[in-house]
Amino acid sequence: MALLEIKQLHKRFGGLHAVTDVSFPVEAGQIKAVIGPNGAGKTTLFNMISGTFPATSGSVFFQGKELQGKKPYQVAALGMARTYQNIKMFSGMTALENVMVGCHVQSSAGFMASMFRMPWTWKEELAIRDRSMELLTLLEIEEHADTDASSLAFGQQRAVELARALAMDPTLLLLDEPAAGLNIYETAEVGRLITKIRDLGITVLLVEHDMSLVMDISDEIVVLCFGEKIAEGLPAAIQKDPEVIKIYLGED
């Protein structure tokens, strides 16, 4: 059984069919990319998988459990974490504190009790701080732990965001355009970090426009166009697929 199973997923907004009967598996331990032109339905698909939008029809199974009807926090508690195209740092908080917020999803004390420094939360708070520091070190930005996260360079903020997602201890990580806004050097670094995350045993499903990144790190690729899946396969096969070439390059 695949870690994630998308089965005939469909989303309609009034008369607009944003996603139409899309199906594909995501196997444990792989990096799988979803690509397609603007308006292809990629982010809508992610929103349905993560519980942000309910599907009009179809099913999402994660580790054998049906996700339809579950809220985003319930999906996260099952072991799925997500980042967004637009980086969302908590302003006025350090990089370390931003990552600690992710840890509180899995803590017994919860965010509010820890924020008000209840005595019984101190031991857990120290463990959360240590774990968050480990993640910053893993993603090679530990020297910025005490820096206001919103003042960091864009690529460093992306690394903090990845660390915060990892703090939720996910089995599956959804990345929505992780290279958005990054220069060529920052994109290469993010690609290296994503591969490093996969090598830890965390499965990655990503939406991305940067084809060099997608082809470099993906094990498999799904191609959407106008909400429909038109191709799925290994990067080398996708590069040669006539329908994919037509979408990205146009016809003579």
C-alpha atoms as a PDB file:
ATOM      1  CA  MET A   1       0.000   0.000   0.000  1.00  0.00           C
ATOM      2  CA  ALA A   2       1.277   3.453  -0.926  1.00  0.00           C
ATOM      3  CA  LEU A   3       1.856   5.987   1.860  1.00  0.00           C
ATOM      4  CA  LEU A   4      -0.525   8.435   0.151  1.00  0.00           C
ATOM      5  CA  GLU A   5      -3.276   7.487  -2.303  1.00  0.00           C
ATOM      6  CA  ILE A   6      -5.121  10.110  -4.340  1.00  0.00           C
ATOM      7  CA  LYS A   7      -8.218   8.526  -5.896  1.00  0.00           C
ATOM      8  CA  GLN A   8     -10.385  10.304  -8.493  1.00  0.00           C
ATOM      9  CA  LEU A   9     -10.081  13.614  -6.671  1.00  0.00           C
ATOM     10  CA  HIS A  10     -12.335  16.336  -8.032  1.00  0.00           C
ATOM     11  CA  LYS A  11     -12.857  19.951  -6.974  1.00  0.00           C
ATOM     12  CA  ARG A  12     -15.439  22.271  -8.431  1.00  0.00           C
ATOM     13  CA  PHE A  13     -15.835  25.971  -7.637  1.00  0.00           C
ATOM     14  CA  GLY A  14     -19.257  26.824  -9.068  1.00  0.00           C
ATOM     15  CA  GLY A  15     -18.927  26.104 -12.779  1.00  0.00           C
ATOM     16  CA  LEU A  16     -15.128  25.873 -12.653  1.00  0.00           C
ATOM     17  CA  HIS A  17     -13.611  22.396 -12.484  1.00  0.00           C
ATOM     18  CA  ALA A  18     -10.279  23.149 -10.797  1.00  0.00           C
ATOM     19  CA  VAL A  19      -9.260  19.482 -10.407  1.00  0.00           C
ATOM     20  CA  THR A  20     -10.881  16.659 -12.380  1.00  0.00           C
ATOM     21  CA  ASP A  21     -10.640  12.982 -11.383  1.00  0.00           C
ATOM     22  CA  VAL A  22      -6.946  13.054 -10.458  1.00  0.00           C
ATOM     23  CA  SER A  23      -5.442   9.815  -9.134  1.00  0.00           C
ATOM     24  CA  PHE A  24      -1.894   8.844  -8.219  1.00  0.00           C
ATOM     25  CA  PRO A  25       0.058   7.174  -5.392  1.00  0.00           C
ATOM     26  CA  VAL A  26       2.998   8.484  -3.398  1.00  0.00           C
ATOM     27  CA  GLU A  27       5.254   5.684  -2.210  1.00  0.00           C
ATOM     28  CA  ALA A  28       7.062   5.859   1.118  1.00  0.00           C
ATOM     29  CA  GLY A  29      10.601   7.214   0.877  1.00  0.00           C
ATOM     30  CA  GLN A  30      10.305   9.028  -2.446  1.00  0.00           C
ATOM     31  CA  ILE A  31      10.282  12.613  -3.642  1.00  0.00           C
ATOM     32  CA  LYS A  32       7.317  13.080  -5.948  1.00  0.00           C
ATOM     33  CA  ALA A  33       6.668  16.326  -7.810  1.00  0.00           C
ATOM     34  CA  VAL A  34       3.459  17.787  -9.202  1.00  0.00           C
ATOM     35  CA  ILE A  35       4.066  20.177 -12.090  1.00  0.00           C
ATOM     36  CA  GLY A  36       1.971  22.074 -14.612  1.00  0.00           C
ATOM     37  CA  PRO A  37       1.349  25.572 -15.954  1.00  0.00           C
ATOM     38  CA  ASN A  38      -0.348  28.289 -13.915  1.00  0.00           C
ATOM     39  CA  GLY A  39      -3.977  27.401 -13.261  1.00  0.00           C
ATOM     40  CA  ALA A  40      -3.345  23.666 -13.623  1.00  0.00           C
ATOM     41  CA  GLY A  41      -4.859  22.933 -10.194  1.00  0.00           C
ATOM     42  CA  LYS A  42      -1.664  22.111  -8.317  1.00  0.00           C
ATOM     43  CA  THR A  43      -2.278  24.225  -5.211  1.00  0.00           C
ATOM     44  CA  THR A  44      -5.965  23.245  -5.156  1.00  0.00           C
ATOM     45  CA  LEU A  45      -4.827  19.626  -5.105  1.00  0.00           C
ATOM     46  CA  PHE A  46      -2.520  20.349  -2.166  1.00  0.00           C
ATOM     47  CA  ASN A  47      -5.329  22.139  -0.345  1.00  0.00           C
ATOM     48  CA  MET A  48      -7.549  19.077  -0.649  1.00  0.00           C
ATOM     49  CA  ILE A  49      -4.813  16.699   0.493  1.00  0.00           C
ATOM     50  CA  SER A  50      -3.997  18.811   3.565  1.00  0.00           C
ATOM     51  CA  GLY A  51      -7.644  19.396   4.533  1.00  0.00           C
ATOM     52  CA  THR A  52      -7.789  23.110   3.672  1.00  0.00           C
ATOM     53  CA  PHE A  53     -10.476  22.513   1.023  1.00  0.00           C
ATOM     54  CA  PRO A  54     -13.020  19.693   1.023  1.00  0.00           C
ATOM     55  CA  ALA A  55     -13.067  17.725  -2.225  1.00  0.00           C
ATOM     56  CA  THR A  56     -16.214  17.759  -4.330  1.00  0.00           C
ATOM     57  CA  SER A  57     -15.696  14.033  -4.844  1.00  0.00           C
ATOM     58  CA  GLY A  58     -12.977  11.418  -4.616  1.00  0.00           C
ATOM     59  CA  SER A  59     -10.778  10.221  -1.772  1.00  0.00           C
ATOM     60  CA  VAL A  60      -7.434  10.832  -0.104  1.00  0.00           C
ATOM     61  CA  PHE A  61      -5.922   7.989   1.911  1.00  0.00           C
ATOM     62  CA  PHE A  62      -2.883   8.577   4.115  1.00  0.00           C
ATOM     63  CA  GLN A  63      -1.313   5.518   5.740  1.00  0.00           C
ATOM     64  CA  GLY A  64      -4.546   3.700   4.954  1.00  0.00           C
ATOM     65  CA  LYS A  65      -6.781   6.295   6.634  1.00  0.00           C
ATOM     66  CA  GLU A  66      -9.377   8.327   4.743  1.00  0.00           C
ATOM     67  CA  LEU A  67      -8.688  12.063   5.105  1.00  0.00           C
ATOM     68  CA  GLN A  68     -11.906  13.446   3.634  1.00  0.00           C
ATOM     69  CA  GLY A  69     -13.755  15.492   6.250  1.00  0.00           C
ATOM     70  CA  LYS A  70     -10.706  16.003   8.456  1.00  0.00           C
ATOM     71  CA  LYS A  71      -9.523  19.500   9.396  1.00  0.00           C
ATOM     72  CA  PRO A  72      -5.936  20.599   8.668  1.00  0.00           C
ATOM     73  CA  TYR A  73      -4.896  20.195  12.326  1.00  0.00           C
ATOM     74  CA  GLN A  74      -6.281  16.643  12.321  1.00  0.00           C
ATOM     75  CA  VAL A  75      -4.369  15.817   9.139  1.00  0.00           C
ATOM     76  CA  ALA A  76      -1.199  17.309  10.679  1.00  0.00           C
ATOM     77  CA  ALA A  77      -1.651  15.181  13.803  1.00  0.00           C
ATOM     78  CA  LEU A  78      -1.653  12.061  11.607  1.00  0.00           C
ATOM     79  CA  GLY A  79       1.866  12.898  10.383  1.00  0.00           C
ATOM     80  CA  MET A  80       1.512  15.271   7.438  1.00  0.00           C
ATOM     81  CA  ALA A  81       3.206  18.684   7.459  1.00  0.00           C
ATOM     82  CA  ARG A  82       2.981  21.436   4.850  1.00  0.00           C
ATOM     83  CA  THR A  83       4.842  24.554   3.766  1.00  0.00           C
ATOM     84  CA  TYR A  84       3.434  27.322   1.569  1.00  0.00           C
ATOM     85  CA  GLN A  85       4.556  29.220  -1.514  1.00  0.00           C
ATOM     86  CA  ASN A  86       4.616  32.466   0.473  1.00  0.00           C
ATOM     87  CA  ILE A  87       6.917  32.054   3.456  1.00  0.00           C
ATOM     88  CA  LYS A  88       5.067  32.616   6.712  1.00  0.00           C
ATOM     89  CA  MET A  89       7.431  33.607   9.513  1.00  0.00           C
ATOM     90  CA  PHE A  90       6.101  34.657  12.924  1.00  0.00           C
ATOM     91  CA  SER A  91       7.321  38.254  13.102  1.00  0.00           C
ATOM     92  CA  GLY A  92       9.032  39.350  16.287  1.00  0.00           C
ATOM     93  CA  MET A  93      10.185  35.782  16.953  1.00  0.00           C
ATOM     94  CA  THR A  94      13.622  34.311  16.451  1.00  0.00           C
ATOM     95  CA  ALA A  95      14.377  31.484  14.041  1.00  0.00           C
ATOM     96  CA  LEU A  96      14.552  29.095  17.012  1.00  0.00           C
ATOM     97  CA  GLU A  97      11.192  30.252  18.374  1.00  0.00           C
ATOM     98  CA  ASN A  98       9.606  29.809  14.936  1.00  0.00           C
ATOM     99  CA  VAL A  99      10.744  26.187  14.868  1.00  0.00           C
ATOM    100  CA  MET A 100       9.563  25.629  18.440  1.00  0.00           C
ATOM    101  CA  VAL A 101       6.025  26.532  17.353  1.00  0.00           C
ATOM    102  CA  GLY A 102       6.088  23.456  15.107  1.00  0.00           C
ATOM    103  CA  CYS A 103       7.101  21.237  18.017  1.00  0.00           C
ATOM    104  CA  HIS A 104       4.101  22.359  20.061  1.00  0.00           C
ATOM    105  CA  VAL A 105       1.777  20.500  17.663  1.00  0.00           C
ATOM    106  CA  GLN A 106       3.165  17.255  19.092  1.00  0.00           C
ATOM    107  CA  SER A 107       3.593  18.406  22.701  1.00  0.00           C
ATOM    108  CA  SER A 108       1.313  17.437  25.578  1.00  0.00           C
ATOM    109  CA  ALA A 109       1.392  20.910  27.097  1.00  0.00           C
ATOM    110  CA  GLY A 110       0.274  22.754  23.971  1.00  0.00           C
ATOM    111  CA  PHE A 111       1.254  26.174  22.727  1.00  0.00           C
ATOM    112  CA  MET A 112      -0.823  28.335  25.104  1.00  0.00           C
ATOM    113  CA  ALA A 113       0.287  26.606  28.301  1.00  0.00           C
ATOM    114  CA  SER A 114       3.917  26.884  27.227  1.00  0.00           C
ATOM    115  CA  MET A 115       3.497  30.524  26.231  1.00  0.00           C
ATOM    116  CA  PHE A 116       2.261  31.381  29.731  1.00  0.00           C
ATOM    117  CA  ARG A 117       5.173  29.404  31.256  1.00  0.00           C
ATOM    118  CA  MET A 118       3.136  27.113  33.495  1.00  0.00           C
ATOM    119  CA  PRO A 119       5.550  25.366  35.909  1.00  0.00           C
ATOM    120  CA  TRP A 120       4.669  21.850  34.738  1.00  0.00           C
ATOM    121  CA  THR A 121       5.614  22.756  31.154  1.00  0.00           C
ATOM    122  CA  TRP A 122       9.228  23.755  31.850  1.00  0.00           C
ATOM    123  CA  LYS A 123      10.795  20.326  31.348  1.00  0.00           C
ATOM    124  CA  GLU A 124       8.910  19.786  28.109  1.00  0.00           C
ATOM    125  CA  GLU A 125       9.793  23.301  26.948  1.00  0.00           C
ATOM    126  CA  LEU A 126      13.503  22.565  27.406  1.00  0.00           C
ATOM    127  CA  ALA A 127      13.132  19.370  25.362  1.00  0.00           C
ATOM    128  CA  ILE A 128      11.323  21.326  22.632  1.00  0.00           C
ATOM    129  CA  ARG A 129      14.082  23.930  22.568  1.00  0.00           C
ATOM    130  CA  ASP A 130      16.738  21.212  22.261  1.00  0.00           C
ATOM    131  CA  ARG A 131      14.824  19.460  19.462  1.00  0.00           C
ATOM    132  CA  SER A 132      14.326  22.734  17.581  1.00  0.00           C
ATOM    133  CA  MET A 133      18.024  23.500  17.833  1.00  0.00           C
ATOM    134  CA  GLU A 134      18.817  20.047  16.449  1.00  0.00           C
ATOM    135  CA  LEU A 135      16.640  20.774  13.433  1.00  0.00           C
ATOM    136  CA  LEU A 136      18.276  24.142  12.807  1.00  0.00           C
ATOM    137  CA  THR A 137      21.627  22.366  12.952  1.00  0.00           C
ATOM    138  CA  LEU A 138      20.382  19.651  10.576  1.00  0.00           C
ATOM    139  CA  LEU A 139      19.429  22.332   8.045  1.00  0.00           C
ATOM    140  CA  GLU A 140      22.696  24.179   8.669  1.00  0.00           C
ATOM    141  CA  ILE A 141      21.274  27.473   9.972  1.00  0.00           C
ATOM    142  CA  GLU A 142      21.995  27.073  13.679  1.00  0.00           C
ATOM    143  CA  GLU A 143      24.075  30.247  13.730  1.00  0.00           C
ATOM    144  CA  HIS A 144      20.869  32.188  13.067  1.00  0.00           C
ATOM    145  CA  ALA A 145      18.926  30.619  15.938  1.00  0.00           C
ATOM    146  CA  ASP A 146      18.679  33.893  17.888  1.00  0.00           C
ATOM    147  CA  THR A 147      18.097  36.113  14.866  1.00  0.00           C
ATOM    148  CA  ASP A 148      14.669  37.598  14.183  1.00  0.00           C
ATOM    149  CA  ALA A 149      13.379  35.193  11.524  1.00  0.00           C
ATOM    150  CA  SER A 150      11.793  37.922   9.399  1.00  0.00           C
ATOM    151  CA  SER A 151      15.190  39.636   8.996  1.00  0.00           C
ATOM    152  CA  LEU A 152      16.887  36.576   7.508  1.00  0.00           C
ATOM    153  CA  ALA A 153      17.657  36.228   3.811  1.00  0.00           C
ATOM    154  CA  PHE A 154      14.891  34.587   1.801  1.00  0.00           C
ATOM    155  CA  GLY A 155      16.729  31.291   1.407  1.00  0.00           C
ATOM    156  CA  GLN A 156      17.440  31.166   5.143  1.00  0.00           C
ATOM    157  CA  GLN A 157      13.780  31.813   5.902  1.00  0.00           C
ATOM    158  CA  ARG A 158      12.888  28.876   3.669  1.00  0.00           C
ATOM    159  CA  ALA A 159      15.258  26.682   5.683  1.00  0.00           C
ATOM    160  CA  VAL A 160      13.614  27.869   8.925  1.00  0.00           C
ATOM    161  CA  GLU A 161      10.225  27.016   7.427  1.00  0.00           C
ATOM    162  CA  LEU A 162      11.463  23.523   6.546  1.00  0.00           C
ATOM    163  CA  ALA A 163      12.807  23.076  10.078  1.00  0.00           C
ATOM    164  CA  ARG A 164       9.460  24.191  11.541  1.00  0.00           C
ATOM    165  CA  ALA A 165       7.642  21.644   9.371  1.00  0.00           C
ATOM    166  CA  LEU A 166      10.069  18.910  10.456  1.00  0.00           C
ATOM    167  CA  ALA A 167       9.408  19.861  14.082  1.00  0.00           C
ATOM    168  CA  MET A 168       5.935  18.391  13.615  1.00  0.00           C
ATOM    169  CA  ASP A 169       7.663  15.003  13.161  1.00  0.00           C
ATOM    170  CA  PRO A 170       5.943  14.265   9.826  1.00  0.00           C
ATOM    171  CA  THR A 171       5.890  11.065   7.832  1.00  0.00           C
ATOM    172  CA  LEU A 172       4.936  13.048   4.727  1.00  0.00           C
ATOM    173  CA  LEU A 173       6.041  16.597   3.905  1.00  0.00           C
ATOM    174  CA  LEU A 174       4.058  18.690   1.400  1.00  0.00           C
ATOM    175  CA  LEU A 175       6.110  21.497  -0.144  1.00  0.00           C
ATOM    176  CA  ASP A 176       4.254  24.169  -2.105  1.00  0.00           C
ATOM    177  CA  GLU A 177       6.782  25.784  -4.486  1.00  0.00           C
ATOM    178  CA  PRO A 178       9.809  25.631  -2.152  1.00  0.00           C
ATOM    179  CA  ALA A 179      11.977  27.483  -4.711  1.00  0.00           C
ATOM    180  CA  ALA A 180       9.545  30.409  -5.142  1.00  0.00           C
ATOM    181  CA  GLY A 181      11.427  33.715  -4.887  1.00  0.00           C
ATOM    182  CA  LEU A 182      14.841  32.073  -4.573  1.00  0.00           C
ATOM    183  CA  ASN A 183      17.850  32.744  -6.790  1.00  0.00           C
ATOM    184  CA  ILE A 184      19.689  29.949  -8.575  1.00  0.00           C
ATOM    185  CA  TYR A 185      22.116  29.363  -5.702  1.00  0.00           C
ATOM    186  CA  GLU A 186      19.400  29.352  -3.031  1.00  0.00           C
ATOM    187  CA  THR A 187      17.319  26.985  -5.191  1.00  0.00           C
ATOM    188  CA  ALA A 188      20.208  24.535  -5.439  1.00  0.00           C
ATOM    189  CA  GLU A 189      20.648  24.699  -1.657  1.00  0.00           C
ATOM    190  CA  VAL A 190      16.955  24.061  -1.024  1.00  0.00           C
ATOM    191  CA  GLY A 191      17.130  21.096  -3.398  1.00  0.00           C
ATOM    192  CA  ARG A 192      20.018  19.684  -1.398  1.00  0.00           C
ATOM    193  CA  LEU A 193      18.081  20.141   1.862  1.00  0.00           C
ATOM    194  CA  ILE A 194      14.984  18.443   0.445  1.00  0.00           C
ATOM    195  CA  THR A 195      17.086  15.458  -0.587  1.00  0.00           C
ATOM    196  CA  LYS A 196      18.640  15.431   2.879  1.00  0.00           C
ATOM    197  CA  ILE A 197      15.145  15.363   4.405  1.00  0.00           C
ATOM    198  CA  ARG A 198      14.137  12.460   2.158  1.00  0.00           C
ATOM    199  CA  ASP A 199      17.266  10.583   3.220  1.00  0.00           C
ATOM    200  CA  LEU A 200      16.025  10.829   6.822  1.00  0.00           C
ATOM    201  CA  GLY A 201      13.084   8.639   5.779  1.00  0.00           C
ATOM    202  CA  ILE A 202      10.553  11.434   5.268  1.00  0.00           C
ATOM    203  CA  THR A 203       8.481  11.206   2.096  1.00  0.00           C
ATOM    204  CA  VAL A 204       8.168  14.447   0.106  1.00  0.00           C
ATOM    205  CA  LEU A 205       5.390  15.587  -2.243  1.00  0.00           C
ATOM    206  CA  LEU A 206       6.100  18.946  -3.842  1.00  0.00           C
ATOM    207  CA  VAL A 207       4.554  21.421  -6.244  1.00  0.00           C
ATOM    208  CA  GLU A 208       7.199  23.359  -8.160  1.00  0.00           C
ATOM    209  CA  HIS A 209       7.668  25.531 -11.250  1.00  0.00           C
ATOM    210  CA  ASP A 210      11.470  25.328 -11.355  1.00  0.00           C
ATOM    211  CA  MET A 211      12.034  22.461 -13.771  1.00  0.00           C
ATOM    212  CA  SER A 212      15.764  22.185 -13.089  1.00  0.00           C
ATOM    213  CA  LEU A 213      15.003  21.545  -9.415  1.00  0.00           C
ATOM    214  CA  VAL A 214      12.184  19.109 -10.202  1.00  0.00           C
ATOM    215  CA  MET A 215      14.252  17.070 -12.639  1.00  0.00           C
ATOM    216  CA  ASP A 216      17.238  17.039 -10.302  1.00  0.00           C
ATOM    217  CA  ILE A 217      15.605  15.765  -7.105  1.00  0.00           C
ATOM    218  CA  SER A 218      12.354  13.984  -8.063  1.00  0.00           C
ATOM    219  CA  ASP A 219      11.910  10.224  -8.179  1.00  0.00           C
ATOM    220  CA  GLU A 220       8.593  10.564 -10.007  1.00  0.00           C
ATOM    221  CA  ILE A 221       6.583  13.411 -11.524  1.00  0.00           C
ATOM    222  CA  VAL A 222       2.869  14.016 -12.043  1.00  0.00           C
ATOM    223  CA  VAL A 223       1.840  16.564 -14.693  1.00  0.00           C
ATOM    224  CA  LEU A 224      -1.451  18.475 -14.466  1.00  0.00           C
ATOM    225  CA  CYS A 225      -3.060  20.645 -17.131  1.00  0.00           C
ATOM    226  CA  PHE A 226      -6.398  22.420 -16.671  1.00  0.00           C
ATOM    227  CA  GLY A 227      -7.028  20.273 -13.593  1.00  0.00           C
ATOM    228  CA  GLU A 228      -6.461  16.926 -15.308  1.00  0.00           C
ATOM    229  CA  LYS A 229      -3.546  14.530 -14.985  1.00  0.00           C
ATOM    230  CA  ILE A 230      -1.917  14.159 -18.398  1.00  0.00           C
ATOM    231  CA  ALA A 231       1.277  12.303 -17.477  1.00  0.00           C
ATOM    232  CA  GLU A 232       3.019  10.482 -14.653  1.00  0.00           C
ATOM    233  CA  GLY A 233       6.396   8.788 -14.557  1.00  0.00           C
ATOM    234  CA  LEU A 234      10.129   9.053 -14.130  1.00  0.00           C
ATOM    235  CA  PRO A 235      11.776  12.440 -14.850  1.00  0.00           C
ATOM    236  CA  ALA A 236      13.466  11.158 -18.021  1.00  0.00           C
ATOM    237  CA  ALA A 237      10.141   9.907 -19.413  1.00  0.00           C
ATOM    238  CA  ILE A 238       8.324  13.131 -18.518  1.00  0.00           C
ATOM    239  CA  GLN A 239      10.952  15.192 -20.348  1.00  0.00           C
ATOM    240  CA  LYS A 240      10.240  13.236 -23.535  1.00  0.00           C
ATOM    241  CA  ASP A 241       6.448  13.048 -23.224  1.00  0.00           C
ATOM    242  CA  PRO A 242       4.840  14.744 -26.287  1.00  0.00           C
ATOM    243  CA  GLU A 243       1.879  16.108 -24.282  1.00  0.00           C
ATOM    244  CA  VAL A 244       4.179  17.633 -21.674  1.00  0.00           C
ATOM    245  CA  ILE A 245       6.400  19.181 -24.352  1.00  0.00           C
ATOM    246  CA  LYS A 246       3.314  20.642 -26.048  1.00  0.00           C
ATOM    247  CA  ILE A 247       2.095  22.232 -22.803  1.00  0.00           C
ATOM    248  CA  TYR A 248       5.418  23.816 -21.907  1.00  0.00           C
ATOM    249  CA  LEU A 249       6.766  24.672 -25.371  1.00  0.00           C
ATOM    250  CA  GLY A 250       3.634  24.891 -27.523  1.00  0.00           C
ATOM    251  CA  GLU A 251       3.005  23.373 -30.932  1.00  0.00           C
ATOM    252  CA  ASP A 252       4.671  24.344 -34.206  1.00  0.00           C
END
